[in-house]
Amino acid sequence: VKLPFAGLFLRCGESQVHILQLPNPDPNTAVARPALGEDRRTAYSVRSLAPVKAALDSEMCRHLFGCKWAYEERATGAGEAALLCKDPDANELMFVEDASITPIAEAEGGPVTPWTRLW
């Protein structure tokens, strides 16, 4: 199905994520945006922050973006460990650690694909 706009819809279990390519009405530099923790954000639950930090600290990340990826670790208002950073377009991302998450590995009949493109 051809969407009438640039973007895609992803299904993750019973949820969906809609990613739309639209003109950005916000400043796209970190210095022109509110400080970490004070801006709109997308939040993700992760089993552990260690792989997120390792990816952001990796040489590949430095190679792709030309610098060390800046992030801050802090606790959420509920006391959960969290990591905040900005993506290359200065959108805030928050990763919240939740050790109770069960990784998707395999289901009866074979491996599970956590993300499915719908369109």
Foldseek 3Di string as FASTA:
>chain_A
DDDPFDWFWKAFPPDIDTGGDDDDPAQQDQVRADDWPPHDAAEEEDQDCVVVQCVQQDPVVCVVPVHRFDKDWDADPVGFIKIWGADNRRHIYIYTHDNPDDDQAADPPGGDDRIDIPD
